[in-house]
N, C-alpha and C. Protein backbone atom coordinates (compact mmCIF):
# COMPACT_ATOMS: atom_id res chain seq x y z
N MET A 1 37.07 -17.06 -23.62
CA MET A 1 36.63 -15.93 -22.80
C MET A 1 37.64 -14.79 -22.86
N LYS A 2 38.92 -15.11 -23.18
CA LYS A 2 39.95 -14.08 -23.20
C LYS A 2 39.69 -13.01 -24.25
N LEU A 3 39.02 -13.37 -25.33
CA LEU A 3 38.72 -12.39 -26.37
C LEU A 3 37.27 -11.94 -26.37
N VAL A 4 36.40 -12.69 -25.73
CA VAL A 4 34.97 -12.39 -25.77
C VAL A 4 34.64 -11.13 -24.98
N SER A 5 35.09 -11.04 -23.74
CA SER A 5 34.71 -9.87 -22.94
C SER A 5 35.35 -8.58 -23.46
N PRO A 6 36.63 -8.57 -23.91
CA PRO A 6 37.14 -7.33 -24.50
C PRO A 6 36.39 -6.95 -25.79
N PHE A 7 36.01 -7.96 -26.58
CA PHE A 7 35.26 -7.68 -27.80
C PHE A 7 33.93 -7.00 -27.47
N PHE A 8 33.20 -7.56 -26.51
CA PHE A 8 31.90 -6.98 -26.16
C PHE A 8 32.04 -5.62 -25.47
N ALA A 9 33.11 -5.42 -24.70
CA ALA A 9 33.35 -4.11 -24.09
C ALA A 9 33.60 -3.07 -25.18
N GLY A 10 34.42 -3.43 -26.16
CA GLY A 10 34.69 -2.51 -27.28
C GLY A 10 33.45 -2.26 -28.13
N LEU A 11 32.68 -3.31 -28.35
CA LEU A 11 31.44 -3.17 -29.12
C LEU A 11 30.46 -2.25 -28.40
N LEU A 12 30.30 -2.44 -27.10
CA LEU A 12 29.42 -1.59 -26.30
C LEU A 12 29.90 -0.14 -26.33
N PHE A 13 31.21 0.06 -26.19
CA PHE A 13 31.78 1.41 -26.24
C PHE A 13 31.53 2.06 -27.60
N GLY A 14 31.79 1.33 -28.67
CA GLY A 14 31.57 1.86 -30.02
C GLY A 14 30.11 2.18 -30.29
N LEU A 15 29.22 1.29 -29.85
CA LEU A 15 27.79 1.55 -30.02
C LEU A 15 27.36 2.78 -29.23
N GLY A 16 27.89 2.90 -28.02
CA GLY A 16 27.58 4.08 -27.20
C GLY A 16 28.03 5.36 -27.87
N LEU A 17 29.23 5.33 -28.46
CA LEU A 17 29.72 6.51 -29.18
C LEU A 17 28.82 6.85 -30.37
N CYS A 18 28.42 5.82 -31.10
CA CYS A 18 27.55 6.05 -32.27
C CYS A 18 26.19 6.59 -31.85
N LEU A 19 25.57 5.95 -30.85
CA LEU A 19 24.22 6.36 -30.43
C LEU A 19 24.22 7.76 -29.82
N SER A 20 25.30 8.13 -29.14
CA SER A 20 25.34 9.46 -28.52
C SER A 20 25.77 10.55 -29.50
N GLY A 21 26.17 10.14 -30.71
CA GLY A 21 26.60 11.12 -31.70
C GLY A 21 28.03 11.59 -31.54
N MET A 22 28.79 10.95 -30.67
CA MET A 22 30.15 11.42 -30.39
C MET A 22 31.15 11.02 -31.47
N THR A 23 30.70 10.28 -32.49
CA THR A 23 31.58 9.98 -33.61
C THR A 23 31.52 11.08 -34.67
N ASP A 24 30.62 12.03 -34.48
CA ASP A 24 30.48 13.16 -35.41
C ASP A 24 31.38 14.31 -34.96
N PRO A 25 32.48 14.57 -35.69
CA PRO A 25 33.39 15.64 -35.29
C PRO A 25 32.71 17.00 -35.14
N HIS A 26 31.67 17.25 -35.92
CA HIS A 26 30.98 18.55 -35.84
C HIS A 26 30.25 18.71 -34.50
N LYS A 27 29.75 17.61 -33.97
CA LYS A 27 29.08 17.64 -32.67
C LYS A 27 30.10 17.94 -31.57
N VAL A 28 31.27 17.30 -31.66
CA VAL A 28 32.33 17.54 -30.68
C VAL A 28 32.83 18.97 -30.77
N LEU A 29 33.05 19.46 -31.99
CA LEU A 29 33.50 20.84 -32.16
C LEU A 29 32.45 21.83 -31.67
N GLY A 30 31.16 21.46 -31.80
CA GLY A 30 30.09 22.30 -31.26
C GLY A 30 30.16 22.39 -29.74
N PHE A 31 30.57 21.32 -29.08
CA PHE A 31 30.75 21.33 -27.63
C PHE A 31 31.92 22.23 -27.25
N LEU A 32 32.96 22.22 -28.05
CA LEU A 32 34.15 23.01 -27.74
C LEU A 32 34.00 24.48 -28.11
N ASP A 33 32.97 24.83 -28.86
CA ASP A 33 32.74 26.20 -29.31
C ASP A 33 31.91 26.96 -28.27
N LEU A 34 32.58 27.39 -27.21
CA LEU A 34 31.87 28.06 -26.11
C LEU A 34 31.35 29.44 -26.51
N ALA A 35 32.00 30.09 -27.46
CA ALA A 35 31.60 31.44 -27.86
C ALA A 35 30.57 31.44 -28.98
N GLY A 36 30.33 30.27 -29.57
CA GLY A 36 29.39 30.20 -30.69
C GLY A 36 28.14 29.44 -30.34
N ALA A 37 27.76 28.54 -31.22
CA ALA A 37 26.56 27.72 -31.02
C ALA A 37 26.93 26.50 -30.18
N TRP A 38 27.08 26.71 -28.87
CA TRP A 38 27.55 25.66 -27.97
C TRP A 38 26.53 24.52 -27.88
N ASP A 39 27.03 23.28 -27.97
CA ASP A 39 26.20 22.09 -27.87
C ASP A 39 26.59 21.35 -26.59
N PRO A 40 25.76 21.41 -25.52
CA PRO A 40 26.13 20.81 -24.24
C PRO A 40 25.95 19.28 -24.17
N SER A 41 25.50 18.65 -25.24
CA SER A 41 25.18 17.22 -25.16
C SER A 41 26.41 16.37 -24.82
N LEU A 42 27.59 16.78 -25.24
CA LEU A 42 28.79 16.02 -24.92
C LEU A 42 29.05 16.03 -23.41
N ALA A 43 28.73 17.12 -22.75
CA ALA A 43 28.90 17.18 -21.29
C ALA A 43 28.02 16.14 -20.61
N LEU A 44 26.81 15.94 -21.12
CA LEU A 44 25.91 14.93 -20.55
C LEU A 44 26.46 13.53 -20.79
N VAL A 45 26.99 13.29 -21.98
CA VAL A 45 27.58 11.99 -22.29
C VAL A 45 28.79 11.74 -21.38
N MET A 46 29.63 12.77 -21.22
CA MET A 46 30.81 12.63 -20.36
C MET A 46 30.40 12.38 -18.91
N GLY A 47 29.38 13.08 -18.44
CA GLY A 47 28.90 12.86 -17.08
C GLY A 47 28.43 11.43 -16.87
N GLY A 48 27.70 10.91 -17.83
CA GLY A 48 27.25 9.51 -17.75
C GLY A 48 28.43 8.55 -17.77
N ALA A 49 29.42 8.84 -18.61
CA ALA A 49 30.60 7.98 -18.69
C ALA A 49 31.39 8.01 -17.38
N VAL A 50 31.52 9.18 -16.77
CA VAL A 50 32.24 9.29 -15.50
C VAL A 50 31.52 8.49 -14.42
N ALA A 51 30.20 8.56 -14.39
CA ALA A 51 29.43 7.80 -13.39
C ALA A 51 29.62 6.30 -13.56
N VAL A 52 29.56 5.83 -14.79
CA VAL A 52 29.76 4.40 -15.05
C VAL A 52 31.19 3.99 -14.71
N ALA A 53 32.16 4.81 -15.11
CA ALA A 53 33.56 4.49 -14.83
C ALA A 53 33.84 4.49 -13.33
N PHE A 54 33.20 5.40 -12.59
CA PHE A 54 33.39 5.45 -11.14
C PHE A 54 33.02 4.11 -10.50
N VAL A 55 31.86 3.59 -10.90
CA VAL A 55 31.40 2.31 -10.37
C VAL A 55 32.32 1.18 -10.84
N ALA A 56 32.67 1.18 -12.12
CA ALA A 56 33.52 0.12 -12.68
C ALA A 56 34.89 0.09 -12.01
N PHE A 57 35.48 1.25 -11.76
CA PHE A 57 36.80 1.28 -11.12
C PHE A 57 36.71 0.81 -9.67
N ARG A 58 35.62 1.08 -8.99
CA ARG A 58 35.45 0.58 -7.62
C ARG A 58 35.36 -0.95 -7.62
N ILE A 59 34.64 -1.50 -8.59
CA ILE A 59 34.54 -2.96 -8.71
C ILE A 59 35.90 -3.55 -9.08
N ALA A 60 36.58 -2.93 -10.05
CA ALA A 60 37.89 -3.43 -10.50
C ALA A 60 38.92 -3.41 -9.39
N ARG A 61 38.85 -2.42 -8.52
CA ARG A 61 39.82 -2.31 -7.42
C ARG A 61 39.77 -3.53 -6.52
N ALA A 62 38.60 -4.15 -6.40
CA ALA A 62 38.44 -5.31 -5.53
C ALA A 62 38.83 -6.62 -6.22
N ARG A 63 39.12 -6.58 -7.52
CA ARG A 63 39.45 -7.79 -8.27
C ARG A 63 40.94 -7.85 -8.57
N ARG A 64 41.44 -9.05 -8.77
CA ARG A 64 42.84 -9.23 -9.16
C ARG A 64 42.98 -9.48 -10.66
N THR A 65 41.91 -9.96 -11.30
CA THR A 65 41.94 -10.23 -12.74
C THR A 65 40.71 -9.64 -13.41
N SER A 66 40.84 -9.41 -14.71
CA SER A 66 39.70 -8.93 -15.49
C SER A 66 38.77 -10.10 -15.81
N LEU A 67 37.66 -9.81 -16.45
CA LEU A 67 36.74 -10.88 -16.83
C LEU A 67 37.38 -11.84 -17.83
N SER A 68 38.37 -11.34 -18.59
CA SER A 68 39.06 -12.20 -19.55
C SER A 68 40.22 -12.96 -18.92
N GLY A 69 40.47 -12.74 -17.62
CA GLY A 69 41.53 -13.46 -16.93
C GLY A 69 42.86 -12.73 -16.88
N ALA A 70 42.95 -11.58 -17.55
CA ALA A 70 44.20 -10.81 -17.54
C ALA A 70 44.37 -10.13 -16.19
N PRO A 71 45.61 -9.97 -15.75
CA PRO A 71 45.82 -9.29 -14.46
C PRO A 71 45.38 -7.83 -14.52
N LEU A 72 44.93 -7.32 -13.39
CA LEU A 72 44.55 -5.92 -13.27
C LEU A 72 45.58 -5.21 -12.39
N PRO A 73 46.65 -4.72 -13.00
CA PRO A 73 47.68 -4.08 -12.18
C PRO A 73 47.22 -2.71 -11.69
N ALA A 74 47.79 -2.28 -10.58
CA ALA A 74 47.52 -0.93 -10.07
C ALA A 74 48.18 0.07 -11.01
N PRO A 75 47.65 1.28 -11.09
CA PRO A 75 48.29 2.29 -11.94
C PRO A 75 49.76 2.48 -11.54
N ALA A 76 50.61 2.66 -12.56
CA ALA A 76 52.05 2.76 -12.32
C ALA A 76 52.43 4.10 -11.69
N ALA A 77 51.74 5.16 -12.03
CA ALA A 77 52.11 6.48 -11.53
C ALA A 77 50.86 7.24 -11.09
N ALA A 78 51.03 8.04 -10.04
CA ALA A 78 49.92 8.86 -9.56
C ALA A 78 50.38 10.31 -9.43
N VAL A 79 51.41 10.67 -10.17
CA VAL A 79 52.01 11.99 -10.07
C VAL A 79 51.64 12.83 -11.29
N ILE A 80 51.36 14.08 -11.07
CA ILE A 80 51.12 15.01 -12.18
C ILE A 80 52.46 15.64 -12.51
N ASP A 81 52.99 15.31 -13.70
CA ASP A 81 54.31 15.81 -14.08
C ASP A 81 54.23 16.50 -15.44
N VAL A 82 55.38 16.94 -15.93
CA VAL A 82 55.45 17.67 -17.19
C VAL A 82 54.95 16.81 -18.35
N ARG A 83 55.29 15.53 -18.35
CA ARG A 83 54.86 14.65 -19.44
C ARG A 83 53.33 14.52 -19.46
N LEU A 84 52.71 14.42 -18.30
CA LEU A 84 51.25 14.32 -18.22
C LEU A 84 50.59 15.61 -18.71
N ILE A 85 51.10 16.74 -18.24
CA ILE A 85 50.53 18.03 -18.66
C ILE A 85 50.73 18.23 -20.17
N GLY A 86 51.95 17.95 -20.65
CA GLY A 86 52.23 18.10 -22.09
C GLY A 86 51.35 17.19 -22.94
N GLY A 87 51.20 15.94 -22.51
CA GLY A 87 50.35 15.01 -23.24
C GLY A 87 48.89 15.44 -23.23
N SER A 88 48.44 15.97 -22.10
CA SER A 88 47.06 16.46 -22.01
C SER A 88 46.82 17.64 -22.94
N LEU A 89 47.80 18.55 -22.99
CA LEU A 89 47.69 19.70 -23.89
C LEU A 89 47.68 19.27 -25.35
N LEU A 90 48.53 18.31 -25.68
CA LEU A 90 48.59 17.81 -27.06
C LEU A 90 47.29 17.09 -27.42
N PHE A 91 46.77 16.29 -26.49
CA PHE A 91 45.50 15.60 -26.71
C PHE A 91 44.39 16.62 -26.94
N GLY A 92 44.31 17.63 -26.09
CA GLY A 92 43.26 18.65 -26.22
C GLY A 92 43.36 19.43 -27.51
N ALA A 93 44.59 19.75 -27.93
CA ALA A 93 44.77 20.48 -29.18
C ALA A 93 44.31 19.62 -30.37
N GLY A 94 44.69 18.35 -30.36
CA GLY A 94 44.26 17.46 -31.44
C GLY A 94 42.75 17.28 -31.45
N TRP A 95 42.17 17.17 -30.27
CA TRP A 95 40.72 17.01 -30.15
C TRP A 95 40.01 18.25 -30.69
N GLY A 96 40.53 19.43 -30.34
CA GLY A 96 39.91 20.67 -30.79
C GLY A 96 40.09 20.92 -32.28
N LEU A 97 41.22 20.50 -32.83
CA LEU A 97 41.46 20.72 -34.27
C LEU A 97 40.68 19.73 -35.13
N ALA A 98 40.65 18.47 -34.72
CA ALA A 98 40.03 17.44 -35.55
C ALA A 98 38.60 17.10 -35.15
N GLY A 99 38.23 17.40 -33.90
CA GLY A 99 36.92 17.00 -33.42
C GLY A 99 36.85 15.50 -33.14
N LEU A 100 38.03 14.88 -33.03
CA LEU A 100 38.11 13.44 -32.78
C LEU A 100 39.08 13.17 -31.64
N CYS A 101 38.83 12.11 -30.91
CA CYS A 101 39.82 11.57 -29.98
C CYS A 101 39.96 10.09 -30.37
N PRO A 102 40.85 9.35 -29.74
CA PRO A 102 41.14 7.99 -30.24
C PRO A 102 39.93 7.07 -30.38
N GLY A 103 39.05 7.02 -29.39
CA GLY A 103 37.91 6.10 -29.50
C GLY A 103 37.02 6.39 -30.70
N PRO A 104 36.48 7.60 -30.81
CA PRO A 104 35.64 7.91 -31.97
C PRO A 104 36.40 7.82 -33.30
N ALA A 105 37.70 8.11 -33.29
CA ALA A 105 38.47 7.99 -34.54
C ALA A 105 38.50 6.54 -35.00
N LEU A 106 38.71 5.61 -34.07
CA LEU A 106 38.72 4.19 -34.44
C LEU A 106 37.35 3.74 -34.92
N VAL A 107 36.29 4.21 -34.27
CA VAL A 107 34.94 3.88 -34.73
C VAL A 107 34.73 4.43 -36.14
N ASN A 108 35.18 5.65 -36.39
CA ASN A 108 35.01 6.27 -37.71
C ASN A 108 35.81 5.56 -38.80
N LEU A 109 36.87 4.85 -38.43
CA LEU A 109 37.59 4.05 -39.44
C LEU A 109 36.64 3.03 -40.06
N GLY A 110 35.73 2.49 -39.26
CA GLY A 110 34.75 1.53 -39.76
C GLY A 110 33.78 2.14 -40.76
N PHE A 111 33.64 3.46 -40.72
CA PHE A 111 32.78 4.17 -41.67
C PHE A 111 33.59 4.72 -42.85
N PHE A 112 34.87 4.35 -42.92
CA PHE A 112 35.78 4.79 -43.99
C PHE A 112 35.85 6.31 -44.09
N ASN A 113 35.89 6.96 -42.93
CA ASN A 113 35.97 8.42 -42.86
C ASN A 113 37.42 8.85 -43.06
N ILE A 114 37.70 9.65 -44.08
CA ILE A 114 39.07 10.04 -44.41
C ILE A 114 39.69 10.88 -43.29
N ARG A 115 38.88 11.71 -42.64
CA ARG A 115 39.39 12.51 -41.51
C ARG A 115 39.90 11.58 -40.41
N ALA A 116 39.18 10.49 -40.17
CA ALA A 116 39.60 9.54 -39.14
C ALA A 116 40.87 8.81 -39.56
N VAL A 117 40.99 8.48 -40.83
CA VAL A 117 42.21 7.82 -41.32
C VAL A 117 43.42 8.71 -41.08
N VAL A 118 43.32 9.97 -41.44
CA VAL A 118 44.43 10.91 -41.24
C VAL A 118 44.72 11.06 -39.75
N PHE A 119 43.68 11.17 -38.94
CA PHE A 119 43.85 11.31 -37.49
C PHE A 119 44.56 10.10 -36.90
N VAL A 120 44.11 8.90 -37.26
CA VAL A 120 44.71 7.68 -36.70
C VAL A 120 46.15 7.53 -37.17
N LEU A 121 46.44 7.85 -38.42
CA LEU A 121 47.83 7.80 -38.89
C LEU A 121 48.71 8.77 -38.10
N ALA A 122 48.21 9.98 -37.86
CA ALA A 122 48.96 10.95 -37.06
C ALA A 122 49.12 10.47 -35.62
N MET A 123 48.08 9.86 -35.08
CA MET A 123 48.12 9.34 -33.71
C MET A 123 49.17 8.23 -33.59
N VAL A 124 49.19 7.31 -34.54
CA VAL A 124 50.16 6.22 -34.52
C VAL A 124 51.58 6.78 -34.68
N ALA A 125 51.75 7.76 -35.57
CA ALA A 125 53.07 8.38 -35.73
C ALA A 125 53.52 9.04 -34.43
N GLY A 126 52.62 9.72 -33.76
CA GLY A 126 52.95 10.34 -32.48
C GLY A 126 53.31 9.32 -31.42
N MET A 127 52.60 8.20 -31.40
CA MET A 127 52.90 7.14 -30.42
C MET A 127 54.28 6.55 -30.70
N ARG A 128 54.60 6.35 -31.95
CA ARG A 128 55.93 5.83 -32.31
C ARG A 128 57.02 6.83 -31.95
N LEU A 129 56.75 8.10 -32.15
CA LEU A 129 57.72 9.13 -31.80
C LEU A 129 57.98 9.15 -30.29
N VAL A 130 56.93 9.03 -29.49
CA VAL A 130 57.09 8.99 -28.04
C VAL A 130 57.88 7.74 -27.63
N ASP A 131 57.56 6.59 -28.24
CA ASP A 131 58.30 5.36 -27.93
C ASP A 131 59.78 5.50 -28.27
N ALA A 132 60.07 6.07 -29.44
CA ALA A 132 61.47 6.25 -29.85
C ALA A 132 62.17 7.21 -28.90
N SER A 133 61.49 8.26 -28.51
CA SER A 133 62.07 9.24 -27.59
C SER A 133 62.33 8.61 -26.23
N ALA A 134 61.40 7.80 -25.75
CA ALA A 134 61.56 7.14 -24.44
C ALA A 134 62.69 6.12 -24.48
N SER A 135 62.83 5.39 -25.58
CA SER A 135 63.89 4.38 -25.65
C SER A 135 65.26 5.04 -25.74
N ARG A 136 65.35 6.21 -26.37
CA ARG A 136 66.63 6.94 -26.40
C ARG A 136 66.94 7.52 -25.04
N ARG A 137 65.94 7.94 -24.31
CA ARG A 137 66.14 8.56 -23.01
C ARG A 137 66.42 7.52 -21.93
N ALA A 138 65.87 6.32 -22.06
CA ALA A 138 65.99 5.29 -21.02
C ALA A 138 67.43 4.93 -20.67
N PRO A 139 68.35 4.70 -21.63
CA PRO A 139 69.71 4.35 -21.24
C PRO A 139 70.41 5.47 -20.45
N SER A 140 70.15 6.73 -20.79
CA SER A 140 70.81 7.81 -20.08
C SER A 140 70.26 7.94 -18.67
N VAL A 141 68.98 7.63 -18.47
CA VAL A 141 68.39 7.67 -17.12
C VAL A 141 68.99 6.54 -16.27
N ALA A 142 69.12 5.35 -16.87
CA ALA A 142 69.70 4.22 -16.15
C ALA A 142 71.16 4.50 -15.78
N ALA A 143 71.91 5.14 -16.69
CA ALA A 143 73.32 5.47 -16.39
C ALA A 143 73.40 6.50 -15.28
N ALA A 144 72.49 7.45 -15.25
CA ALA A 144 72.49 8.49 -14.21
C ALA A 144 72.15 7.88 -12.85
N GLU A 145 71.26 6.86 -12.86
CA GLU A 145 70.89 6.22 -11.59
C GLU A 145 72.03 5.36 -11.05
N ASP A 146 72.87 4.80 -11.95
CA ASP A 146 74.00 3.99 -11.53
C ASP A 146 75.12 4.82 -10.92
N ALA A 147 75.21 6.07 -11.30
CA ALA A 147 76.31 6.94 -10.82
C ALA A 147 76.15 7.36 -9.40
């Protein structure tokens, strides 16, 4: 069961992305093109996703473990800080330039889409860069707290 429910959740998510057309970068870029031929269908997909997530998070809040038995910890931070704003801006810029975000990019890997391969490689490089930056910063933060 530990692998079954995450597998089916990912499969459902991927199928939803495919059926809604959100794996097509041109459709996403059409949504972001407010001054041109704007395509509002992504807003409808997002609205549906927010509604489903709202219900799911309410149910999850009442549980201590996921369906696979993994613990469901409370979010670690609830503060809007520079790192959150910077990450959001970087995410939005990447989304606007490539027409992809992580979920659809991973789905597009299954279609052997070269744009998705480049996007995922850049995404992984960025994640490693953030990890390296955080690990270099962590000792200095700990030393400052000890003083």
